PDB file of N, CA and C in Angstrom:
ATOM      1  N   MET A   1     -58.806 119.887  31.944  1.00  0.00           N
ATOM      2  CA  MET A   1     -57.717 119.189  32.178  1.00  0.00           C
ATOM      3  C   MET A   1     -56.466 119.494  31.663  1.00  0.00           C
ATOM      4  N   PRO A   2     -55.262 119.312  32.274  1.00  0.00           N
ATOM      5  CA  PRO A   2     -54.096 119.611  31.569  1.00  0.00           C
ATOM      6  C   PRO A   2     -53.717 118.759  30.602  1.00  0.00           C
ATOM      7  N   GLU A   3     -53.295 119.247  29.240  1.00  0.00           N
ATOM      8  CA  GLU A   3     -52.842 118.277  28.328  1.00  0.00           C
ATOM      9  C   GLU A   3     -51.653 117.417  28.669  1.00  0.00           C
ATOM     10  N   ALA A   4     -51.440 116.176  28.137  1.00  0.00           N
ATOM     11  CA  ALA A   4     -50.326 115.428  28.441  1.00  0.00           C
ATOM     12  C   ALA A   4     -49.195 115.942  27.685  1.00  0.00           C
ATOM     13  N   PRO A   5     -48.096 115.726  28.072  1.00  0.00           N
ATOM     14  CA  PRO A   5     -46.934 116.478  26.973  1.00  0.00           C
ATOM     15  C   PRO A   5     -46.762 115.583  25.866  1.00  0.00           C
ATOM     16  N   LYS A   6     -46.463 116.321  24.656  1.00  0.00           N
ATOM     17  CA  LYS A   6     -46.438 115.512  23.533  1.00  0.00           C
ATOM     18  C   LYS A   6     -45.171 114.728  23.414  1.00  0.00           C
ATOM     19  N   ASP A   7     -44.267 115.240  23.758  1.00  0.00           N
ATOM     20  CA  ASP A   7     -42.994 114.418  23.869  1.00  0.00           C
ATOM     21  C   ASP A   7     -42.718 113.701  25.387  1.00  0.00           C
ATOM     22  N   LYS A   8     -42.777 112.159  25.256  1.00  0.00           N
ATOM     23  CA  LYS A   8     -42.585 111.408  26.262  1.00  0.00           C
ATOM     24  C   LYS A   8     -41.164 111.649  27.087  1.00  0.00           C
ATOM     25  N   VAL A   9     -40.970 111.597  28.055  1.00  0.00           N
ATOM     26  CA  VAL A   9     -39.620 111.649  28.866  1.00  0.00           C
ATOM     27  C   VAL A   9     -39.410 110.206  29.115  1.00  0.00           C
ATOM     28  N   THR A  10     -38.174 109.916  28.410  1.00  0.00           N
ATOM     29  CA  THR A  10     -37.728 108.774  28.384  1.00  0.00           C
ATOM     30  C   THR A  10     -36.963 108.266  29.832  1.00  0.00           C
ATOM     31  N   HIS A  11     -36.891 107.113  30.370  1.00  0.00           N
ATOM     32  CA  HIS A  11     -36.505 106.778  31.433  1.00  0.00           C
ATOM     33  C   HIS A  11     -35.175 107.194  31.545  1.00  0.00           C
ATOM     34  N   GLN A  12     -34.072 107.252  30.552  1.00  0.00           N
ATOM     35  CA  GLN A  12     -32.708 107.867  30.499  1.00  0.00           C
ATOM     36  C   GLN A  12     -32.711 109.434  31.101  1.00  0.00           C
ATOM     37  N   GLN A  13     -33.615 110.026  30.314  1.00  0.00           N
ATOM     38  CA  GLN A  13     -33.879 111.493  30.425  1.00  0.00           C
ATOM     39  C   GLN A  13     -34.124 111.830  32.112  1.00  0.00           C
ATOM     40  N   TYR A  14     -35.013 111.087  32.434  1.00  0.00           N
ATOM     41  CA  TYR A  14     -35.328 111.147  33.762  1.00  0.00           C
ATOM     42  C   TYR A  14     -34.144 110.903  34.876  1.00  0.00           C
ATOM     43  N   LEU A  15     -33.349 109.834  34.567  1.00  0.00           N
ATOM     44  CA  LEU A  15     -32.214 109.488  35.344  1.00  0.00           C
ATOM     45  C   LEU A  15     -31.245 110.633  35.116  1.00  0.00           C
ATOM     46  N   ASP A  16     -31.045 111.140  34.001  1.00  0.00           N
ATOM     47  CA  ASP A  16     -30.062 112.389  34.023  1.00  0.00           C
ATOM     48  C   ASP A  16     -30.630 113.689  34.692  1.00  0.00           C
ATOM     49  N   ALA A  17     -31.861 113.623  34.713  1.00  0.00           N
ATOM     50  CA  ALA A  17     -32.112 115.193  35.202  1.00  0.00           C
ATOM     51  C   ALA A  17     -32.071 114.744  36.732  1.00  0.00           C
ATOM     52  N   ARG A  18     -32.543 113.595  37.262  1.00  0.00           N
ATOM     53  CA  ARG A  18     -32.443 113.191  38.652  1.00  0.00           C
ATOM     54  C   ARG A  18     -31.022 113.436  39.269  1.00  0.00           C
ATOM     55  N   ALA A  19     -29.910 112.905  38.335  1.00  0.00           N
ATOM     56  CA  ALA A  19     -28.411 113.093  38.720  1.00  0.00           C
ATOM     57  C   ALA A  19     -28.190 114.399  38.730  1.00  0.00           C
ATOM     58  N   GLU A  20     -28.541 115.142  37.501  1.00  0.00           N
ATOM     59  CA  GLU A  20     -28.120 116.571  37.815  1.00  0.00           C
ATOM     60  C   GLU A  20     -28.928 117.557  38.958  1.00  0.00           C
ATOM     61  N   LEU A  21     -29.940 117.063  39.243  1.00  0.00           N
ATOM     62  CA  LEU A  21     -30.696 117.718  40.318  1.00  0.00           C
ATOM     63  C   LEU A  21     -29.751 117.457  41.571  1.00  0.00           C
ATOM     64  N   ASN A  22     -29.462 116.275  41.849  1.00  0.00           N
ATOM     65  CA  ASN A  22     -28.798 115.607  42.908  1.00  0.00           C
ATOM     66  C   ASN A  22     -27.229 116.478  43.162  1.00  0.00           C
ATOM     67  N   ASP A  23     -26.797 116.713  41.973  1.00  0.00           N
ATOM     68  CA  ASP A  23     -25.300 117.426  41.872  1.00  0.00           C
ATOM     69  C   ASP A  23     -25.393 118.752  42.093  1.00  0.00           C
ATOM     70  N   LEU A  24     -26.781 119.355  41.736  1.00  0.00           N
ATOM     71  CA  LEU A  24     -26.943 120.906  42.028  1.00  0.00           C
ATOM     72  C   LEU A  24     -27.312 121.055  43.381  1.00  0.00           C
ATOM     73  N   ILE A  25     -28.011 119.937  44.205  1.00  0.00           N
ATOM     74  CA  ILE A  25     -28.567 120.454  45.549  1.00  0.00           C
ATOM     75  C   ILE A  25     -27.042 120.157  46.459  1.00  0.00           C
ATOM     76  N   SER A  26     -26.018 119.163  45.908  1.00  0.00           N
ATOM     77  CA  SER A  26     -24.986 119.019  46.817  1.00  0.00           C
ATOM     78  C   SER A  26     -24.054 120.201  46.514  1.00  0.00           C
ATOM     79  N   ARG A  27     -23.963 120.658  45.447  1.00  0.00           N
ATOM     80  CA  ARG A  27     -23.309 121.990  45.220  1.00  0.00           C
ATOM     81  C   ARG A  27     -23.761 123.263  45.939  1.00  0.00           C
ATOM     82  N   LYS A  28     -25.134 123.063  45.998  1.00  0.00           N
ATOM     83  CA  LYS A  28     -25.716 124.296  46.709  1.00  0.00           C
ATOM     84  C   LYS A  28     -25.545 124.199  48.271  1.00  0.00           C
ATOM     85  N   LYS A  29     -25.316 123.209  48.840  1.00  0.00           N
ATOM     86  CA  LYS A  29     -25.189 122.815  50.181  1.00  0.00           C
ATOM     87  C   LYS A  29     -23.494 123.186  50.506  1.00  0.00           C
ATOM     88  N   ILE A  30     -22.886 123.103  49.473  1.00  0.00           N
ATOM     89  CA  ILE A  30     -21.480 123.368  49.700  1.00  0.00           C
ATOM     90  C   ILE A  30     -21.177 125.242  49.779  1.00  0.00           C
ATOM     91  N   VAL A  31     -22.129 125.639  48.758  1.00  0.00           N
ATOM     92  CA  VAL A  31     -21.845 126.981  48.666  1.00  0.00           C
ATOM     93  C   VAL A  31     -22.631 127.545  50.140  1.00  0.00           C
ATOM     94  N   ASP A  32     -23.890 127.068  50.625  1.00  0.00           N
ATOM     95  CA  ASP A  32     -24.472 127.470  52.025  1.00  0.00           C
ATOM     96  C   ASP A  32     -23.451 127.373  52.959  1.00  0.00           C
ATOM     97  N   ARG A  33     -22.498 126.110  53.031  1.00  0.00           N
ATOM     98  CA  ARG A  33     -21.351 126.143  54.023  1.00  0.00           C
ATOM     99  C   ARG A  33     -20.452 127.346  53.917  1.00  0.00           C
ATOM    100  N   ASN A  34     -20.120 127.380  52.670  1.00  0.00           N
ATOM    101  CA  ASN A  34     -19.182 128.597  52.447  1.00  0.00           C
ATOM    102  C   ASN A  34     -19.539 129.924  53.145  1.00  0.00           C
ATOM    103  N   LEU A  35     -20.976 130.087  52.558  1.00  0.00           N
ATOM    104  CA  LEU A  35     -21.514 131.229  53.000  1.00  0.00           C
ATOM    105  C   LEU A  35     -21.784 131.510  54.404  1.00  0.00           C
ATOM    106  N   ALA A  36     -22.081 130.367  55.148  1.00  0.00           N
ATOM    107  CA  ALA A  36     -22.143 130.386  56.432  1.00  0.00           C
ATOM    108  C   ALA A  36     -20.802 130.764  57.433  1.00  0.00           C
ATOM    109  N   GLY A  37     -19.777 130.092  56.603  1.00  0.00           N
ATOM    110  CA  GLY A  37     -18.463 130.493  57.212  1.00  0.00           C
ATOM    111  C   GLY A  37     -17.927 131.729  57.026  1.00  0.00           C
ATOM    112  N   LEU A  38     -18.273 132.365  56.003  1.00  0.00           N
ATOM    113  CA  LEU A  38     -18.118 133.869  55.821  1.00  0.00           C
ATOM    114  C   LEU A  38     -18.845 134.638  56.487  1.00  0.00           C
ATOM    115  N   GLU A  39     -19.990 134.453  56.974  1.00  0.00           N
ATOM    116  CA  GLU A  39     -20.941 135.085  57.855  1.00  0.00           C
ATOM    117  C   GLU A  39     -20.341 135.076  59.304  1.00  0.00           C
ATOM    118  N   ASN A  40     -19.737 133.831  59.825  1.00  0.00           N
ATOM    119  CA  ASN A  40     -19.238 133.725  61.002  1.00  0.00           C
ATOM    120  C   ASN A  40     -18.020 134.519  61.017  1.00  0.00           C
ATOM    121  N   SER A  41     -17.141 134.394  60.095  1.00  0.00           N
ATOM    122  CA  SER A  41     -15.866 135.290  60.048  1.00  0.00           C
ATOM    123  C   SER A  41     -16.171 136.877  60.352  1.00  0.00           C
ATOM    124  N   ILE A  42     -17.265 137.208  59.500  1.00  0.00           N
ATOM    125  CA  ILE A  42     -17.566 138.656  59.584  1.00  0.00           C
ATOM    126  C   ILE A  42     -18.235 138.976  61.015  1.00  0.00           C
ATOM    127  N   TYR A  43     -18.881 138.018  61.457  1.00  0.00           N
ATOM    128  CA  TYR A  43     -19.442 138.277  62.766  1.00  0.00           C
ATOM    129  C   TYR A  43     -18.161 138.345  63.787  1.00  0.00           C
ATOM    130  N   ALA A  44     -17.471 137.356  63.780  1.00  0.00           N
ATOM    131  CA  ALA A  44     -16.168 137.638  64.579  1.00  0.00           C
ATOM    132  C   ALA A  44     -15.274 138.830  64.643  1.00  0.00           C
ATOM    133  N   PHE A  45     -14.864 139.146  63.184  1.00  0.00           N
ATOM    134  CA  PHE A  45     -14.241 140.366  62.843  1.00  0.00           C
ATOM    135  C   PHE A  45     -14.805 141.692  63.359  1.00  0.00           C
ATOM    136  N   GLU A  46     -16.271 141.721  63.104  1.00  0.00           N
ATOM    137  CA  GLU A  46     -16.943 142.606  63.487  1.00  0.00           C
ATOM    138  C   GLU A  46     -16.973 142.767  65.219  1.00  0.00           C
ATOM    139  N   GLY A  47     -17.273 141.874  65.693  1.00  0.00           N
ATOM    140  CA  GLY A  47     -17.195 141.805  67.259  1.00  0.00           C
ATOM    141  C   GLY A  47     -15.945 142.206  67.782  1.00  0.00           C
ATOM    142  N   SER A  48     -14.512 141.703  67.079  1.00  0.00           N
ATOM    143  CA  SER A  48     -13.342 142.385  67.539  1.00  0.00           C
ATOM    144  C   SER A  48     -13.138 143.667  67.321  1.00  0.00           C
ATOM    145  N   TYR A  49     -13.430 144.297  66.089  1.00  0.00           N
ATOM    146  CA  TYR A  49     -13.466 145.891  65.940  1.00  0.00           C
ATOM    147  C   TYR A  49     -14.457 146.480  66.954  1.00  0.00           C
ATOM    148  N   LEU A  50     -15.459 146.005  67.129  1.00  0.00           N
ATOM    149  CA  LEU A  50     -16.328 146.814  68.118  1.00  0.00           C
ATOM    150  C   LEU A  50     -15.774 146.962  69.382  1.00  0.00           C
ATOM    151  N   GLU A  51     -15.130 145.708  69.815  1.00  0.00           N
ATOM    152  CA  GLU A  51     -14.508 145.812  71.294  1.00  0.00           C
ATOM    153  C   GLU A  51     -13.399 146.450  71.290  1.00  0.00           C
ATOM    154  N   ASP A  52     -12.551 146.473  70.227  1.00  0.00           N
ATOM    155  CA  ASP A  52     -11.129 147.222  70.161  1.00  0.00           C
ATOM    156  C   ASP A  52     -11.406 148.907  70.295  1.00  0.00           C
ATOM    157  N   THR A  53     -12.581 149.034  69.657  1.00  0.00           N
ATOM    158  CA  THR A  53     -12.705 150.572  69.544  1.00  0.00           C
ATOM    159  C   THR A  53     -13.771 151.070  70.317  1.00  0.00           C
ATOM    160  N   GLN A  54     -14.161 150.513  71.353  1.00  0.00           N
ATOM    161  CA  GLN A  54     -15.263 150.960  71.977  1.00  0.00           C
ATOM    162  C   GLN A  54     -14.785 152.312  72.868  1.00  0.00           C
ATOM    163  N   HIS A  55     -13.704 152.304  73.312  1.00  0.00           N
ATOM    164  CA  HIS A  55     -13.407 153.796  73.947  1.00  0.00           C
ATOM    165  C   HIS A  55     -13.114 154.853  73.139  1.00  0.00           C
ATOM    166  N   GLY A  56     -12.462 154.527  72.158  1.00  0.00           N
ATOM    167  CA  GLY A  56     -11.755 155.665  71.120  1.00  0.00           C
ATOM    168  C   GLY A  56     -12.837 156.440  70.118  1.00  0.00           C
ATOM    169  N   GLY A  57     -13.924 155.131  69.581  1.00  0.00           N
ATOM    170  CA  GLY A  57     -14.560 155.707  68.723  1.00  0.00           C
ATOM    171  C   GLY A  57     -14.634 154.352  67.444  1.00  0.00           C
ATOM    172  N   ASN A  58     -15.599 154.416  66.671  1.00  0.00           N
ATOM    173  CA  ASN A  58     -15.531 153.556  65.556  1.00  0.00           C
ATOM    174  C   ASN A  58     -16.717 154.190  64.626  1.00  0.00           C
ATOM    175  N   ILE A  59     -16.901 153.541  63.524  1.00  0.00           N
ATOM    176  CA  ILE A  59     -17.833 153.964  62.366  1.00  0.00           C
ATOM    177  C   ILE A  59     -19.319 153.743  62.753  1.00  0.00           C
ATOM    178  N   ILE A  60     -19.468 153.214  63.786  1.00  0.00           N
ATOM    179  CA  ILE A  60     -20.749 153.016  64.477  1.00  0.00           C
ATOM    180  C   ILE A  60     -21.296 153.783  65.355  1.00  0.00           C
ATOM    181  N   ARG A  61     -20.482 154.032  66.232  1.00  0.00           N
ATOM    182  CA  ARG A  61     -20.917 154.941  67.326  1.00  0.00           C
ATOM    183  C   ARG A  61     -20.161 156.319  67.278  1.00  0.00           C
ATOM    184  N   GLY A  62     -19.549 156.732  66.192  1.00  0.00           N
ATOM    185  CA  GLY A  62     -18.682 157.796  66.252  1.00  0.00           C
ATOM    186  C   GLY A  62     -17.424 158.039  66.523  1.00  0.00           C
ATOM    187  N   PHE A  63     -16.687 159.134  66.571  1.00  0.00           N
ATOM    188  CA  PHE A  63     -15.350 159.270  67.109  1.00  0.00           C
ATOM    189  C   PHE A  63     -15.413 160.115  68.119  1.00  0.00           C
ATOM    190  N   ASP A  64     -16.399 160.286  68.998  1.00  0.00           N
ATOM    191  CA  ASP A  64     -16.298 161.335  69.998  1.00  0.00           C
ATOM    192  C   ASP A  64     -14.966 160.948  70.927  1.00  0.00           C
ATOM    193  N   GLY A  65     -14.730 159.851  71.244  1.00  0.00           N
ATOM    194  CA  GLY A  65     -13.653 159.251  72.312  1.00  0.00           C
ATOM    195  C   GLY A  65     -12.289 160.105  71.712  1.00  0.00           C
ATOM    196  N   TYR A  66     -12.081 160.128  70.240  1.00  0.00           N
ATOM    197  CA  TYR A  66     -10.943 160.776  70.007  1.00  0.00           C
ATOM    198  C   TYR A  66     -10.717 162.270  70.159  1.00  0.00           C
ATOM    199  N   ILE A  67     -12.276 162.739  70.151  1.00  0.00           N
ATOM    200  CA  ILE A  67     -11.991 164.253  70.188  1.00  0.00           C
ATOM    201  C   ILE A  67     -12.291 164.732  71.436  1.00  0.00           C
ATOM    202  N   ASN A  68     -13.070 163.901  72.327  1.00  0.00           N
ATOM    203  CA  ASN A  68     -13.238 164.210  73.658  1.00  0.00           C
ATOM    204  C   ASN A  68     -12.354 163.688  74.799  1.00  0.00           C
ATOM    205  N   THR A  69     -11.297 164.244  75.419  1.00  0.00           N
ATOM    206  CA  THR A  69     -10.359 163.589  76.334  1.00  0.00           C
ATOM    207  C   THR A  69     -11.172 162.989  77.395  1.00  0.00           C
ATOM    208  N   LYS A  70     -12.272 163.479  77.959  1.00  0.00           N
ATOM    209  CA  LYS A  70     -12.676 163.038  79.014  1.00  0.00           C
ATOM    210  C   LYS A  70     -14.105 162.164  78.706  1.00  0.00           C
ATOM    211  N   ALA A  71     -13.848 161.178  77.592  1.00  0.00           N
ATOM    212  CA  ALA A  71     -14.937 160.452  77.104  1.00  0.00           C
ATOM    213  C   ALA A  71     -15.029 159.139  78.130  1.00  0.00           C
ATOM    214  N   ASP A  72     -16.554 158.979  78.285  1.00  0.00           N
ATOM    215  CA  ASP A  72     -16.758 158.112  79.112  1.00  0.00           C
ATOM    216  C   ASP A  72     -16.084 156.567  78.871  1.00  0.00           C
ATOM    217  N   LYS A  73     -15.233 156.272  79.692  1.00  0.00           N
ATOM    218  CA  LYS A  73     -14.490 155.071  79.681  1.00  0.00           C
ATOM    219  C   LYS A  73     -15.331 153.827  80.181  1.00  0.00           C
ATOM    220  N   SER A  74     -16.326 153.985  80.686  1.00  0.00           N
ATOM    221  CA  SER A  74     -17.201 152.945  81.238  1.00  0.00           C
ATOM    222  C   SER A  74     -18.325 152.618  80.353  1.00  0.00           C
ATOM    223  N   ARG A  75     -18.373 153.141  79.159  1.00  0.00           N
ATOM    224  CA  ARG A  75     -19.321 152.913  78.348  1.00  0.00           C
ATOM    225  C   ARG A  75     -19.543 151.289  78.260  1.00  0.00           C
ATOM    226  N   VAL A  76     -20.899 150.988  77.954  1.00  0.00           N
ATOM    227  CA  VAL A  76     -21.407 149.526  77.591  1.00  0.00           C
ATOM    228  C   VAL A  76     -20.466 149.016  76.520  1.00  0.00           C
ATOM    229  N   LYS A  77     -19.952 147.804  76.455  1.00  0.00           N
ATOM    230  CA  LYS A  77     -19.186 147.369  75.346  1.00  0.00           C
ATOM    231  C   LYS A  77     -19.956 147.655  74.043  1.00  0.00           C
ATOM    232  N   TYR A  78     -20.593 147.108  73.570  1.00  0.00           N
ATOM    233  CA  TYR A  78     -21.584 147.139  72.398  1.00  0.00           C
ATOM    234  C   TYR A  78     -22.803 146.346  72.486  1.00  0.00           C
ATOM    235  N   ALA A  79     -23.620 146.731  71.736  1.00  0.00           N
ATOM    236  CA  ALA A  79     -24.953 145.942  71.509  1.00  0.00           C
ATOM    237  C   ALA A  79     -24.992 145.136  70.209  1.00  0.00           C
ATOM    238  N   GLU A  80     -25.864 144.077  70.243  1.00  0.00           N
ATOM    239  CA  GLU A  80     -25.898 143.532  69.013  1.00  0.00           C
ATOM    240  C   GLU A  80     -26.533 144.504  67.932  1.00  0.00           C
ATOM    241  N   SER A  81     -27.198 145.238  68.143  1.00  0.00           N
ATOM    242  CA  SER A  81     -27.716 146.328  67.101  1.00  0.00           C
ATOM    243  C   SER A  81     -26.789 147.082  66.592  1.00  0.00           C
ATOM    244  N   ASP A  82     -25.516 147.165  67.355  1.00  0.00           N
ATOM    245  CA  ASP A  82     -24.250 147.693  66.724  1.00  0.00           C
ATOM    246  C   ASP A  82     -23.583 146.994  65.572  1.00  0.00           C
ATOM    247  N   ARG A  83     -23.796 145.859  65.342  1.00  0.00           N
ATOM    248  CA  ARG A  83     -23.385 144.989  64.356  1.00  0.00           C
ATOM    249  C   ARG A  83     -24.118 145.209  63.070  1.00  0.00           C
ATOM    250  N   LEU A  84     -23.799 146.203  62.530  1.00  0.00           N
ATOM    251  CA  LEU A  84     -24.236 146.979  61.278  1.00  0.00           C
ATOM    252  C   LEU A  84     -23.990 145.764  59.892  1.00  0.00           C
ATOM    253  N   PHE A  85     -22.884 145.362  60.052  1.00  0.00           N
ATOM    254  CA  PHE A  85     -22.480 144.431  58.816  1.00  0.00           C
ATOM    255  C   PHE A  85     -23.002 143.040  58.981  1.00  0.00           C
ATOM    256  N   SER A  86     -23.163 142.447  59.962  1.00  0.00           N
ATOM    257  CA  SER A  86     -23.751 141.502  60.232  1.00  0.00           C
ATOM    258  C   SER A  86     -25.216 141.317  60.122  1.00  0.00           C
ATOM    259  N   MET A  87     -25.771 142.592  60.589  1.00  0.00           N
ATOM    260  CA  MET A  87     -27.175 142.634  60.597  1.00  0.00           C
ATOM    261  C   MET A  87     -27.844 142.808  59.221  1.00  0.00           C
ATOM    262  N   SER A  88     -26.753 143.411  58.426  1.00  0.00           N
ATOM    263  CA  SER A  88     -27.275 143.701  57.113  1.00  0.00           C
ATOM    264  C   SER A  88     -27.283 142.460  56.094  1.00  0.00           C
ATOM    265  N   SER A  89     -26.718 141.492  56.488  1.00  0.00           N
ATOM    266  CA  SER A  89     -27.256 140.329  55.762  1.00  0.00           C
ATOM    267  C   SER A  89     -28.446 139.480  55.643  1.00  0.00           C
ATOM    268  N   THR A  90     -28.852 139.166  54.760  1.00  0.00           N
ATOM    269  CA  THR A  90     -30.271 138.516  54.728  1.00  0.00           C
ATOM    270  C   THR A  90     -30.119 137.049  55.339  1.00  0.00           C
ATOM    271  N   THR A  91     -28.882 136.317  55.377  1.00  0.00           N
ATOM    272  CA  THR A  91     -28.697 135.244  55.706  1.00  0.00           C
ATOM    273  C   THR A  91     -27.916 135.020  56.763  1.00  0.00           C
ATOM    274  N   PHE A  92     -28.039 136.310  57.613  1.00  0.00           N
ATOM    275  CA  PHE A  92     -26.967 136.285  58.931  1.00  0.00           C
ATOM    276  C   PHE A  92     -27.597 135.203  59.951  1.00  0.00           C
ATOM    277  N   THR A  93     -29.305 135.308  59.993  1.00  0.00           N
ATOM    278  CA  THR A  93     -29.901 134.471  61.017  1.00  0.00           C
ATOM    279  C   THR A  93     -29.774 133.241  60.798  1.00  0.00           C
ATOM    280  N   LYS A  94     -29.591 132.687  59.559  1.00  0.00           N
ATOM    281  CA  LYS A  94     -29.372 131.051  59.507  1.00  0.00           C
ATOM    282  C   LYS A  94     -27.744 130.849  59.687  1.00  0.00           C
ATOM    283  N   ALA A  95     -26.880 131.917  59.639  1.00  0.00           N
ATOM    284  CA  ALA A  95     -25.671 131.463  59.836  1.00  0.00           C
ATOM    285  C   ALA A  95     -25.364 131.719  61.446  1.00  0.00           C
ATOM    286  N   SER A  96     -26.151 132.530  62.173  1.00  0.00           N
ATOM    287  CA  SER A  96     -26.014 132.766  63.507  1.00  0.00           C
ATOM    288  C   SER A  96     -26.648 131.759  64.371  1.00  0.00           C
ATOM    289  N   ASN A  97     -27.322 130.835  63.618  1.00  0.00           N
ATOM    290  CA  ASN A  97     -28.015 129.696  64.258  1.00  0.00           C
ATOM    291  C   ASN A  97     -26.788 128.622  64.379  1.00  0.00           C
ATOM    292  N   SER A  98     -26.027 128.712  63.116  1.00  0.00           N
ATOM    293  CA  SER A  98     -24.956 127.734  63.145  1.00  0.00           C
ATOM    294  C   SER A  98     -23.713 127.808  64.285  1.00  0.00           C
ATOM    295  N   ILE A  99     -23.801 129.168  64.688  1.00  0.00           N
ATOM    296  CA  ILE A  99     -22.552 129.844  65.685  1.00  0.00           C
ATOM    297  C   ILE A  99     -23.104 128.946  66.928  1.00  0.00           C
ATOM    298  N   GLU A 100     -24.376 128.985  67.174  1.00  0.00           N
ATOM    299  CA  GLU A 100     -24.821 128.362  68.630  1.00  0.00           C
ATOM    300  C   GLU A 100     -24.755 127.055  68.701  1.00  0.00           C
ATOM    301  N   GLU A 101     -24.883 126.508  67.388  1.00  0.00           N
ATOM    302  CA  GLU A 101     -24.888 124.755  67.731  1.00  0.00           C
ATOM    303  C   GLU A 101     -23.454 124.344  67.937  1.00  0.00           C
TER     304      GLU A 101
END
């Protein structure tokens, strides 16, 4: 059996720890909301970039459109897999769920 702690926690220490935990949880929620906002902004800017550069070229698909004057203008816009920056984030899935809600 585990030994009981030698120093007993007072009721005031418990209340202080509980208040600190509540404060940290609320601060984490704020940071999570800010991160989700940044993720959404990156997603939007990336989509805008991919759409604006679909015919000439971009850093994802290359710049053949600038080199080849007969580039295929009917090329598909872009796929979600082209979102290199959004997809590189480990929290993107969580942020993308907030886009849909």
